[in-house]
Amino acid sequence: MEAKTTLRIPDFMKPILEDIRLLRSDGNNPNRMTNKQKEELWKSLEEFGWTDPILTNQDGVFTDGEQRVSVCIAHGEFYAPVYRMSDLSEAQRRRLRLIANELKGKHNKEQEEEEWQRIIKLGQREELKSFLDSIGEKLPETLRDDHEKVSIIPETYELIVECKDEADQKAKLEELQAKSWKVRVLNL
């Protein structure tokens, strides 16, 4: 078989090689990469080859790997292993993309919240909330239902200050109280 790519592809992925120029984006991926990150991604692909396939739905719409495809096309690489997930609903595809994105890359928060809205409209509010909880995120207030808005406890932040002795601790305590900080002493 004539090589279709210069990147290393594990034997088990060779049967699923596809022309990645034929895959499609839905234009809603909140994942963004800087030019430096794209350079690093290309170096990684050159060094390690394909470690996991591009994921799409049955119609070739990206679920995961859109950035890898973009980088490859920019470098003249047009073939990659593509796994088409035939039993994936639109809501599942979008949720899986969010899960994959949270594991890598920086995200455009506005687009990410728009994606969350689309998932909620597709009837997957609880699944989305469960995923967000697992990564320490909450639905933004604009996407919460009335019950959720009432039950959310406002976030608080704590600061631990180390002091060299009791006298230093007392001085720091008075200094922070003078600045109207809510302070409590915790001896460890």
N, C-alpha and C. Protein backbone atom coordinates (compact mmCIF):
# COMPACT_ATOMS: atom_id res chain seq x y z
N MET A 1 0.85 -1.20 0.00
CA MET A 1 0.00 0.00 0.00
C MET A 1 0.88 1.25 0.00
N GLU A 2 0.60 2.15 -0.87
CA GLU A 2 1.35 3.40 -0.97
C GLU A 2 1.06 4.27 0.25
N ALA A 3 2.11 4.87 0.81
CA ALA A 3 1.93 5.71 2.00
C ALA A 3 1.12 6.95 1.63
N LYS A 4 0.13 7.25 2.45
CA LYS A 4 -0.71 8.43 2.21
C LYS A 4 -0.34 9.56 3.17
N THR A 5 0.56 9.27 4.09
CA THR A 5 0.94 10.26 5.08
C THR A 5 2.38 10.03 5.49
N THR A 6 3.05 11.07 5.94
CA THR A 6 4.41 10.91 6.45
C THR A 6 4.42 10.66 7.95
N LEU A 7 3.27 10.82 8.60
CA LEU A 7 3.18 10.61 10.04
C LEU A 7 3.00 9.12 10.34
N ARG A 8 3.57 8.68 11.43
CA ARG A 8 3.47 7.28 11.84
C ARG A 8 2.03 6.97 12.26
N ILE A 9 1.52 5.86 11.76
CA ILE A 9 0.17 5.41 12.09
C ILE A 9 0.25 3.97 12.57
N PRO A 10 -0.22 3.67 13.78
CA PRO A 10 -0.21 2.28 14.24
C PRO A 10 -0.98 1.38 13.27
N ASP A 11 -0.52 0.14 13.11
CA ASP A 11 -1.14 -0.79 12.17
C ASP A 11 -2.65 -0.92 12.38
N PHE A 12 -3.09 -0.95 13.64
CA PHE A 12 -4.52 -1.16 13.88
C PHE A 12 -5.37 0.03 13.42
N MET A 13 -4.74 1.19 13.19
CA MET A 13 -5.49 2.36 12.72
C MET A 13 -5.48 2.49 11.20
N LYS A 14 -4.63 1.77 10.51
CA LYS A 14 -4.52 1.92 9.05
C LYS A 14 -5.83 1.65 8.31
N PRO A 15 -6.66 0.70 8.74
CA PRO A 15 -7.92 0.48 8.02
C PRO A 15 -8.90 1.66 8.08
N ILE A 16 -8.68 2.59 9.00
CA ILE A 16 -9.64 3.69 9.11
C ILE A 16 -9.06 5.02 8.61
N LEU A 17 -8.02 4.94 7.76
CA LEU A 17 -7.45 6.16 7.16
C LEU A 17 -8.48 6.82 6.26
N GLU A 18 -8.61 8.12 6.41
CA GLU A 18 -9.54 8.89 5.56
C GLU A 18 -8.88 10.19 5.14
N ASP A 19 -9.40 10.77 4.09
CA ASP A 19 -8.99 12.09 3.65
C ASP A 19 -9.66 13.10 4.58
N ILE A 20 -8.86 13.73 5.44
CA ILE A 20 -9.41 14.62 6.47
C ILE A 20 -9.94 15.93 5.90
N ARG A 21 -9.64 16.21 4.66
CA ARG A 21 -10.18 17.43 4.03
C ARG A 21 -11.69 17.30 3.82
N LEU A 22 -12.20 16.06 3.89
CA LEU A 22 -13.63 15.83 3.67
C LEU A 22 -14.45 15.91 4.96
N LEU A 23 -13.77 16.01 6.11
CA LEU A 23 -14.48 16.12 7.39
C LEU A 23 -15.01 17.54 7.56
N ARG A 24 -16.01 17.69 8.45
CA ARG A 24 -16.66 18.99 8.60
C ARG A 24 -16.69 19.45 10.05
N SER A 25 -16.64 20.75 10.21
CA SER A 25 -16.79 21.38 11.52
C SER A 25 -18.21 21.93 11.63
N ASP A 26 -18.75 21.95 12.85
CA ASP A 26 -20.05 22.60 13.03
C ASP A 26 -19.86 24.09 13.36
N GLY A 27 -18.61 24.54 13.46
CA GLY A 27 -18.32 25.94 13.73
C GLY A 27 -18.53 26.36 15.18
N ASN A 28 -18.81 25.39 16.06
CA ASN A 28 -19.12 25.72 17.45
C ASN A 28 -18.10 25.20 18.45
N ASN A 29 -16.96 24.74 18.00
CA ASN A 29 -15.96 24.19 18.92
C ASN A 29 -15.35 25.31 19.75
N PRO A 30 -15.52 25.28 21.08
CA PRO A 30 -14.96 26.34 21.92
C PRO A 30 -13.46 26.22 22.15
N ASN A 31 -12.85 25.12 21.72
CA ASN A 31 -11.43 24.91 21.94
C ASN A 31 -10.61 25.79 21.00
N ARG A 32 -9.63 26.48 21.55
CA ARG A 32 -8.76 27.35 20.77
C ARG A 32 -7.32 27.04 21.12
N MET A 33 -6.44 27.18 20.14
CA MET A 33 -5.01 26.98 20.37
C MET A 33 -4.25 28.20 19.86
N THR A 34 -3.20 28.54 20.59
CA THR A 34 -2.32 29.61 20.13
C THR A 34 -1.44 29.05 19.01
N ASN A 35 -0.77 29.93 18.28
CA ASN A 35 0.15 29.47 17.24
C ASN A 35 1.26 28.61 17.83
N LYS A 36 1.72 28.97 19.02
CA LYS A 36 2.76 28.18 19.69
C LYS A 36 2.24 26.78 20.01
N GLN A 37 1.01 26.69 20.50
CA GLN A 37 0.43 25.38 20.79
C GLN A 37 0.29 24.55 19.51
N LYS A 38 -0.07 25.21 18.42
CA LYS A 38 -0.18 24.49 17.14
C LYS A 38 1.18 23.97 16.70
N GLU A 39 2.23 24.77 16.89
CA GLU A 39 3.58 24.32 16.56
C GLU A 39 3.96 23.10 17.39
N GLU A 40 3.64 23.16 18.69
CA GLU A 40 3.95 22.03 19.58
C GLU A 40 3.15 20.79 19.19
N LEU A 41 1.92 20.98 18.80
CA LEU A 41 1.09 19.85 18.36
C LEU A 41 1.70 19.21 17.12
N TRP A 42 2.14 20.02 16.16
CA TRP A 42 2.75 19.48 14.95
C TRP A 42 4.03 18.71 15.28
N LYS A 43 4.86 19.28 16.17
CA LYS A 43 6.09 18.58 16.58
C LYS A 43 5.76 17.23 17.21
N SER A 44 4.73 17.22 18.03
CA SER A 44 4.30 15.97 18.67
C SER A 44 3.84 14.95 17.64
N LEU A 45 3.05 15.40 16.67
CA LEU A 45 2.59 14.48 15.62
C LEU A 45 3.77 13.95 14.81
N GLU A 46 4.74 14.81 14.53
CA GLU A 46 5.92 14.36 13.78
C GLU A 46 6.71 13.32 14.59
N GLU A 47 6.83 13.56 15.89
CA GLU A 47 7.62 12.66 16.73
C GLU A 47 6.91 11.35 17.04
N PHE A 48 5.63 11.44 17.43
CA PHE A 48 4.92 10.26 17.92
C PHE A 48 3.93 9.68 16.92
N GLY A 49 3.58 10.44 15.90
CA GLY A 49 2.57 9.98 14.97
C GLY A 49 1.18 10.07 15.59
N TRP A 50 0.25 9.32 15.02
CA TRP A 50 -1.13 9.34 15.51
C TRP A 50 -1.25 8.41 16.70
N THR A 51 -1.59 8.96 17.86
CA THR A 51 -1.77 8.14 19.06
C THR A 51 -3.24 7.84 19.30
N ASP A 52 -4.10 8.64 18.72
CA ASP A 52 -5.53 8.36 18.79
C ASP A 52 -6.20 8.95 17.54
N PRO A 53 -7.28 8.34 17.10
CA PRO A 53 -7.91 8.78 15.86
C PRO A 53 -8.72 10.07 16.04
N ILE A 54 -9.04 10.68 14.92
CA ILE A 54 -9.99 11.78 14.89
C ILE A 54 -11.36 11.14 15.13
N LEU A 55 -12.19 11.76 15.96
CA LEU A 55 -13.54 11.24 16.20
C LEU A 55 -14.55 12.13 15.50
N THR A 56 -15.50 11.49 14.81
CA THR A 56 -16.59 12.23 14.18
C THR A 56 -17.88 11.46 14.39
N ASN A 57 -18.98 12.10 14.04
CA ASN A 57 -20.23 11.34 13.98
C ASN A 57 -20.25 10.62 12.63
N GLN A 58 -21.32 9.92 12.34
CA GLN A 58 -21.41 9.14 11.11
C GLN A 58 -21.26 10.01 9.86
N ASP A 59 -21.68 11.27 9.97
CA ASP A 59 -21.65 12.18 8.81
C ASP A 59 -20.32 12.92 8.65
N GLY A 60 -19.34 12.63 9.51
CA GLY A 60 -18.04 13.27 9.39
C GLY A 60 -17.93 14.63 10.06
N VAL A 61 -18.85 14.94 10.99
CA VAL A 61 -18.77 16.20 11.75
C VAL A 61 -17.91 15.93 12.98
N PHE A 62 -16.92 16.79 13.22
CA PHE A 62 -15.96 16.58 14.30
C PHE A 62 -16.61 16.41 15.67
N THR A 63 -16.09 15.44 16.40
CA THR A 63 -16.36 15.29 17.82
C THR A 63 -15.08 15.64 18.57
N ASP A 64 -13.95 15.09 18.12
CA ASP A 64 -12.65 15.38 18.72
C ASP A 64 -11.59 15.32 17.63
N GLY A 65 -10.65 16.25 17.68
CA GLY A 65 -9.53 16.23 16.74
C GLY A 65 -9.53 17.35 15.72
N GLU A 66 -10.44 18.29 15.87
CA GLU A 66 -10.54 19.38 14.89
C GLU A 66 -9.24 20.17 14.79
N GLN A 67 -8.58 20.43 15.93
CA GLN A 67 -7.32 21.18 15.91
C GLN A 67 -6.22 20.37 15.23
N ARG A 68 -6.17 19.06 15.49
CA ARG A 68 -5.16 18.21 14.85
C ARG A 68 -5.33 18.21 13.34
N VAL A 69 -6.58 18.14 12.90
CA VAL A 69 -6.85 18.15 11.46
C VAL A 69 -6.40 19.48 10.85
N SER A 70 -6.73 20.58 11.50
CA SER A 70 -6.35 21.90 11.01
C SER A 70 -4.83 22.02 10.87
N VAL A 71 -4.11 21.56 11.89
CA VAL A 71 -2.65 21.62 11.87
C VAL A 71 -2.09 20.73 10.75
N CYS A 72 -2.64 19.54 10.60
CA CYS A 72 -2.16 18.63 9.56
C CYS A 72 -2.39 19.20 8.16
N ILE A 73 -3.57 19.71 7.92
CA ILE A 73 -3.86 20.29 6.60
C ILE A 73 -2.91 21.45 6.31
N ALA A 74 -2.64 22.27 7.33
CA ALA A 74 -1.70 23.39 7.14
C ALA A 74 -0.30 22.91 6.77
N HIS A 75 0.04 21.66 7.15
CA HIS A 75 1.36 21.10 6.84
C HIS A 75 1.31 20.11 5.67
N GLY A 76 0.22 20.12 4.92
CA GLY A 76 0.13 19.27 3.74
C GLY A 76 -0.12 17.80 4.01
N GLU A 77 -0.58 17.47 5.20
CA GLU A 77 -0.93 16.09 5.55
C GLU A 77 -2.45 15.96 5.43
N PHE A 78 -2.90 15.08 4.56
CA PHE A 78 -4.33 15.01 4.27
C PHE A 78 -5.00 13.70 4.67
N TYR A 79 -4.25 12.77 5.25
CA TYR A 79 -4.84 11.50 5.65
C TYR A 79 -4.54 11.23 7.11
N ALA A 80 -5.55 10.73 7.81
CA ALA A 80 -5.42 10.43 9.23
C ALA A 80 -6.42 9.34 9.58
N PRO A 81 -6.18 8.65 10.70
CA PRO A 81 -7.17 7.68 11.15
C PRO A 81 -8.41 8.42 11.68
N VAL A 82 -9.57 8.02 11.18
CA VAL A 82 -10.83 8.65 11.57
C VAL A 82 -11.78 7.56 12.05
N TYR A 83 -12.28 7.74 13.26
CA TYR A 83 -13.27 6.81 13.79
C TYR A 83 -14.62 7.51 13.75
N ARG A 84 -15.52 6.97 12.93
CA ARG A 84 -16.88 7.53 12.81
C ARG A 84 -17.78 6.80 13.80
N MET A 85 -18.30 7.54 14.75
CA MET A 85 -19.16 6.96 15.79
C MET A 85 -20.60 6.97 15.30
N SER A 86 -21.06 5.83 14.83
CA SER A 86 -22.35 5.77 14.14
C SER A 86 -23.55 5.86 15.07
N ASP A 87 -23.39 5.52 16.33
CA ASP A 87 -24.54 5.52 17.24
C ASP A 87 -24.55 6.74 18.16
N LEU A 88 -23.96 7.83 17.73
CA LEU A 88 -23.83 9.03 18.55
C LEU A 88 -24.92 10.03 18.21
N SER A 89 -25.72 10.40 19.22
CA SER A 89 -26.72 11.45 18.99
C SER A 89 -26.01 12.80 18.92
N GLU A 90 -26.70 13.82 18.44
CA GLU A 90 -26.11 15.16 18.35
C GLU A 90 -25.73 15.67 19.74
N ALA A 91 -26.58 15.46 20.73
CA ALA A 91 -26.28 15.90 22.09
C ALA A 91 -25.06 15.15 22.64
N GLN A 92 -24.98 13.85 22.38
CA GLN A 92 -23.83 13.08 22.85
C GLN A 92 -22.54 13.55 22.17
N ARG A 93 -22.62 13.84 20.87
CA ARG A 93 -21.43 14.32 20.15
C ARG A 93 -20.93 15.61 20.79
N ARG A 94 -21.85 16.52 21.08
CA ARG A 94 -21.46 17.80 21.67
C ARG A 94 -20.90 17.61 23.09
N ARG A 95 -21.53 16.73 23.87
CA ARG A 95 -21.03 16.46 25.23
C ARG A 95 -19.65 15.82 25.18
N LEU A 96 -19.47 14.85 24.29
CA LEU A 96 -18.17 14.20 24.17
C LEU A 96 -17.09 15.20 23.76
N ARG A 97 -17.44 16.14 22.90
CA ARG A 97 -16.48 17.18 22.51
C ARG A 97 -16.09 18.01 23.73
N LEU A 98 -17.07 18.38 24.55
CA LEU A 98 -16.75 19.15 25.76
C LEU A 98 -15.83 18.37 26.68
N ILE A 99 -16.13 17.09 26.86
CA ILE A 99 -15.29 16.25 27.73
C ILE A 99 -13.86 16.22 27.19
N ALA A 100 -13.71 15.98 25.90
CA ALA A 100 -12.38 15.94 25.29
C ALA A 100 -11.69 17.30 25.40
N ASN A 101 -12.42 18.38 25.19
CA ASN A 101 -11.84 19.72 25.25
C ASN A 101 -11.36 20.06 26.65
N GLU A 102 -12.10 19.65 27.66
CA GLU A 102 -11.70 19.97 29.03
C GLU A 102 -10.38 19.31 29.39
N LEU A 103 -10.07 18.24 28.70
CA LEU A 103 -8.83 17.55 28.98
C LEU A 103 -7.62 18.20 28.33
N LYS A 104 -7.87 19.11 27.41
CA LYS A 104 -6.76 19.75 26.70
C LYS A 104 -7.22 21.09 26.12
N GLY A 105 -6.29 22.00 25.98
CA GLY A 105 -6.58 23.25 25.29
C GLY A 105 -7.21 24.32 26.16
N LYS A 106 -7.16 25.54 25.67
CA LYS A 106 -7.84 26.67 26.31
C LYS A 106 -9.15 26.87 25.57
N HIS A 107 -10.10 27.47 26.26
CA HIS A 107 -11.44 27.55 25.68
C HIS A 107 -11.95 28.97 25.66
N ASN A 108 -12.65 29.27 24.60
CA ASN A 108 -13.35 30.54 24.50
C ASN A 108 -14.61 30.38 25.35
N LYS A 109 -14.65 31.05 26.50
CA LYS A 109 -15.75 30.85 27.46
C LYS A 109 -17.11 31.18 26.86
N GLU A 110 -17.18 32.23 26.07
CA GLU A 110 -18.46 32.61 25.48
C GLU A 110 -18.97 31.49 24.56
N GLN A 111 -18.09 30.96 23.72
CA GLN A 111 -18.50 29.87 22.83
C GLN A 111 -18.81 28.61 23.62
N GLU A 112 -18.04 28.39 24.68
CA GLU A 112 -18.28 27.21 25.51
C GLU A 112 -19.67 27.28 26.14
N GLU A 113 -20.05 28.45 26.65
CA GLU A 113 -21.37 28.61 27.25
C GLU A 113 -22.47 28.47 26.20
N GLU A 114 -22.21 28.94 24.98
CA GLU A 114 -23.19 28.74 23.90
C GLU A 114 -23.35 27.25 23.61
N GLU A 115 -22.25 26.52 23.67
CA GLU A 115 -22.31 25.07 23.46
C GLU A 115 -23.11 24.41 24.59
N TRP A 116 -22.91 24.88 25.82
CA TRP A 116 -23.68 24.35 26.95
C TRP A 116 -25.17 24.59 26.71
N GLN A 117 -25.51 25.79 26.20
CA GLN A 117 -26.92 26.09 25.90
C GLN A 117 -27.49 25.10 24.89
N ARG A 118 -26.72 24.80 23.86
CA ARG A 118 -27.19 23.85 22.84
C ARG A 118 -27.42 22.47 23.44
N ILE A 119 -26.53 22.05 24.34
CA ILE A 119 -26.67 20.74 24.98
C ILE A 119 -27.93 20.72 25.85
N ILE A 120 -28.18 21.81 26.57
CA ILE A 120 -29.38 21.90 27.41
C ILE A 120 -30.63 21.83 26.54
N LYS A 121 -30.62 22.57 25.42
CA LYS A 121 -31.78 22.55 24.51
C LYS A 121 -32.01 21.16 23.92
N LEU A 122 -30.96 20.36 23.82
CA LEU A 122 -31.09 19.00 23.30
C LEU A 122 -31.48 18.01 24.41
N GLY A 123 -31.84 18.55 25.59
CA GLY A 123 -32.38 17.71 26.67
C GLY A 123 -31.36 17.02 27.55
N GLN A 124 -30.14 17.55 27.61
CA GLN A 124 -29.10 16.88 28.38
C GLN A 124 -28.57 17.76 29.53
N ARG A 125 -29.46 18.51 30.18
CA ARG A 125 -29.07 19.40 31.29
C ARG A 125 -28.38 18.63 32.42
N GLU A 126 -28.99 17.54 32.87
CA GLU A 126 -28.44 16.80 34.02
C GLU A 126 -27.09 16.18 33.69
N GLU A 127 -26.95 15.64 32.47
CA GLU A 127 -25.67 15.06 32.06
C GLU A 127 -24.60 16.13 32.00
N LEU A 128 -24.96 17.31 31.49
CA LEU A 128 -24.02 18.42 31.42
C LEU A 128 -23.61 18.87 32.82
N LYS A 129 -24.60 19.02 33.71
CA LYS A 129 -24.30 19.43 35.09
C LYS A 129 -23.37 18.42 35.76
N SER A 130 -23.63 17.14 35.54
CA SER A 130 -22.79 16.09 36.12
C SER A 130 -21.35 16.20 35.62
N PHE A 131 -21.20 16.42 34.32
CA PHE A 131 -19.86 16.59 33.76
C PHE A 131 -19.18 17.82 34.34
N LEU A 132 -19.88 18.95 34.37
CA LEU A 132 -19.29 20.18 34.89
C LEU A 132 -18.89 20.02 36.35
N ASP A 133 -19.74 19.36 37.14
CA ASP A 133 -19.40 19.10 38.54
C ASP A 133 -18.10 18.31 38.63
N SER A 134 -17.92 17.35 37.72
CA SER A 134 -16.74 16.49 37.77
C SER A 134 -15.45 17.25 37.50
N ILE A 135 -15.54 18.39 36.84
CA ILE A 135 -14.34 19.19 36.57
C ILE A 135 -14.31 20.47 37.40
N GLY A 136 -15.20 20.55 38.40
CA GLY A 136 -15.21 21.69 39.30
C GLY A 136 -15.84 22.94 38.73
N GLU A 137 -16.67 22.81 37.72
CA GLU A 137 -17.35 23.95 37.11
C GLU A 137 -18.83 23.91 37.47
N LYS A 138 -19.47 25.05 37.37
CA LYS A 138 -20.92 25.15 37.57
C LYS A 138 -21.52 25.80 36.34
N LEU A 139 -22.79 25.52 36.11
CA LEU A 139 -23.50 26.22 35.04
C LEU A 139 -23.50 27.70 35.36
N PRO A 140 -23.27 28.57 34.38
CA PRO A 140 -23.38 30.00 34.64
C PRO A 140 -24.81 30.34 35.04
N GLU A 141 -24.97 31.38 35.82
CA GLU A 141 -26.29 31.74 36.33
C GLU A 141 -27.32 31.91 35.22
N THR A 142 -26.89 32.41 34.08
CA THR A 142 -27.83 32.62 32.97
C THR A 142 -28.41 31.31 32.43
N LEU A 143 -27.75 30.18 32.69
CA LEU A 143 -28.22 28.89 32.21
C LEU A 143 -28.90 28.05 33.29
N ARG A 144 -28.92 28.56 34.51
CA ARG A 144 -29.53 27.82 35.62
C ARG A 144 -31.04 28.02 35.62
N ASP A 145 -31.75 26.98 36.05
CA ASP A 145 -33.19 27.16 36.22
C ASP A 145 -33.43 27.83 37.57
N ASP A 146 -34.68 28.24 37.85
CA ASP A 146 -34.97 29.01 39.07
C ASP A 146 -34.56 28.27 40.33
N HIS A 147 -34.79 26.97 40.39
CA HIS A 147 -34.43 26.18 41.57
C HIS A 147 -32.92 26.23 41.81
N GLU A 148 -32.14 26.11 40.74
CA GLU A 148 -30.68 26.13 40.87
C GLU A 148 -30.18 27.49 41.31
N LYS A 149 -30.81 28.56 40.86
CA LYS A 149 -30.37 29.91 41.22
C LYS A 149 -30.52 30.14 42.72
N VAL A 150 -31.58 29.60 43.31
CA VAL A 150 -31.83 29.80 44.73
C VAL A 150 -30.88 28.97 45.58
N SER A 151 -30.56 27.76 45.12
CA SER A 151 -29.82 26.84 45.98
C SER A 151 -28.30 26.97 45.87
N ILE A 152 -27.80 27.80 44.98
CA ILE A 152 -26.35 27.93 44.82
C ILE A 152 -25.80 28.79 45.97
N ILE A 153 -24.77 28.28 46.63
CA ILE A 153 -24.11 29.01 47.70
C ILE A 153 -23.03 29.89 47.08
N PRO A 154 -22.99 31.15 47.46
CA PRO A 154 -21.98 32.03 46.86
C PRO A 154 -20.57 31.50 47.16
N GLU A 155 -19.67 31.68 46.21
CA GLU A 155 -18.31 31.22 46.39
C GLU A 155 -17.60 32.07 47.44
N THR A 156 -16.73 31.43 48.20
CA THR A 156 -15.88 32.14 49.14
C THR A 156 -14.45 31.72 48.86
N TYR A 157 -13.53 32.56 49.24
CA TYR A 157 -12.12 32.28 49.04
C TYR A 157 -11.42 32.44 50.38
N GLU A 158 -10.46 31.59 50.62
CA GLU A 158 -9.73 31.66 51.87
C GLU A 158 -8.26 31.90 51.57
N LEU A 159 -7.63 32.60 52.49
CA LEU A 159 -6.22 32.91 52.38
C LEU A 159 -5.56 32.43 53.66
N ILE A 160 -4.49 31.69 53.54
CA ILE A 160 -3.75 31.24 54.72
C ILE A 160 -2.48 32.07 54.81
N VAL A 161 -2.26 32.63 55.99
CA VAL A 161 -1.07 33.46 56.21
C VAL A 161 -0.22 32.77 57.27
N GLU A 162 1.03 32.50 56.93
CA GLU A 162 1.94 31.90 57.90
C GLU A 162 2.61 33.01 58.70
N CYS A 163 2.68 32.81 60.00
CA CYS A 163 3.32 33.78 60.88
C CYS A 163 4.46 33.10 61.62
N LYS A 164 5.50 33.89 61.96
CA LYS A 164 6.67 33.29 62.59
C LYS A 164 6.45 32.95 64.06
N ASP A 165 5.56 33.70 64.71
CA ASP A 165 5.26 33.41 66.11
C ASP A 165 3.90 34.03 66.48
N GLU A 166 3.51 33.89 67.76
CA GLU A 166 2.20 34.37 68.20
C GLU A 166 2.08 35.89 68.09
N ALA A 167 3.15 36.59 68.38
CA ALA A 167 3.13 38.06 68.30
C ALA A 167 2.93 38.51 66.85
N ASP A 168 3.61 37.85 65.92
CA ASP A 168 3.46 38.16 64.50
C ASP A 168 2.03 37.85 64.05
N GLN A 169 1.49 36.75 64.56
CA GLN A 169 0.11 36.36 64.22
C GLN A 169 -0.87 37.44 64.68
N LYS A 170 -0.68 37.92 65.90
CA LYS A 170 -1.58 38.95 66.43
C LYS A 170 -1.49 40.23 65.60
N ALA A 171 -0.28 40.62 65.22
CA ALA A 171 -0.08 41.83 64.42
C ALA A 171 -0.76 41.70 63.05
N LYS A 172 -0.58 40.55 62.41
CA LYS A 172 -1.21 40.32 61.09
C LYS A 172 -2.73 40.32 61.22
N LEU A 173 -3.25 39.70 62.28
CA LEU A 173 -4.69 39.65 62.51
C LEU A 173 -5.25 41.06 62.63
N GLU A 174 -4.62 41.88 63.43
CA GLU A 174 -5.08 43.26 63.62
C GLU A 174 -4.98 44.06 62.32
N GLU A 175 -3.91 43.83 61.57
CA GLU A 175 -3.72 44.54 60.30
C GLU A 175 -4.84 44.20 59.31
N LEU A 176 -5.19 42.93 59.21
CA LEU A 176 -6.24 42.51 58.28
C LEU A 176 -7.62 42.96 58.75
N GLN A 177 -7.86 42.90 60.06
CA GLN A 177 -9.15 43.36 60.60
C GLN A 177 -9.31 44.86 60.37
N ALA A 178 -8.23 45.61 60.44
CA ALA A 178 -8.28 47.05 60.20
C ALA A 178 -8.67 47.35 58.75
N LYS A 179 -8.39 46.40 57.86
CA LYS A 179 -8.76 46.55 56.45
C LYS A 179 -10.14 45.97 56.17
N SER A 180 -10.88 45.66 57.23
CA SER A 180 -12.25 45.11 57.15
C SER A 180 -12.31 43.72 56.53
N TRP A 181 -11.25 42.96 56.66
CA TRP A 181 -11.26 41.58 56.19
C TRP A 181 -11.94 40.71 57.23
N LYS A 182 -12.72 39.75 56.78
CA LYS A 182 -13.30 38.75 57.68
C LYS A 182 -12.18 37.75 57.96
N VAL A 183 -11.73 37.68 59.20
CA VAL A 183 -10.55 36.90 59.55
C VAL A 183 -10.87 35.91 60.65
N ARG A 184 -10.28 34.74 60.55
CA ARG A 184 -10.36 33.77 61.64
C ARG A 184 -8.98 33.17 61.83
N VAL A 185 -8.67 32.78 63.04
CA VAL A 185 -7.37 32.21 63.36
C VAL A 185 -7.48 30.70 63.36
N LEU A 186 -6.55 30.08 62.67
CA LEU A 186 -6.50 28.63 62.60
C LEU A 186 -5.06 28.23 62.89
N ASN A 187 -4.84 27.59 64.01
CA ASN A 187 -3.49 27.15 64.36
C ASN A 187 -3.28 25.73 63.87
N LEU A 188 -2.26 25.53 63.08
CA LEU A 188 -1.95 24.20 62.55
C LEU A 188 -0.79 23.58 63.27
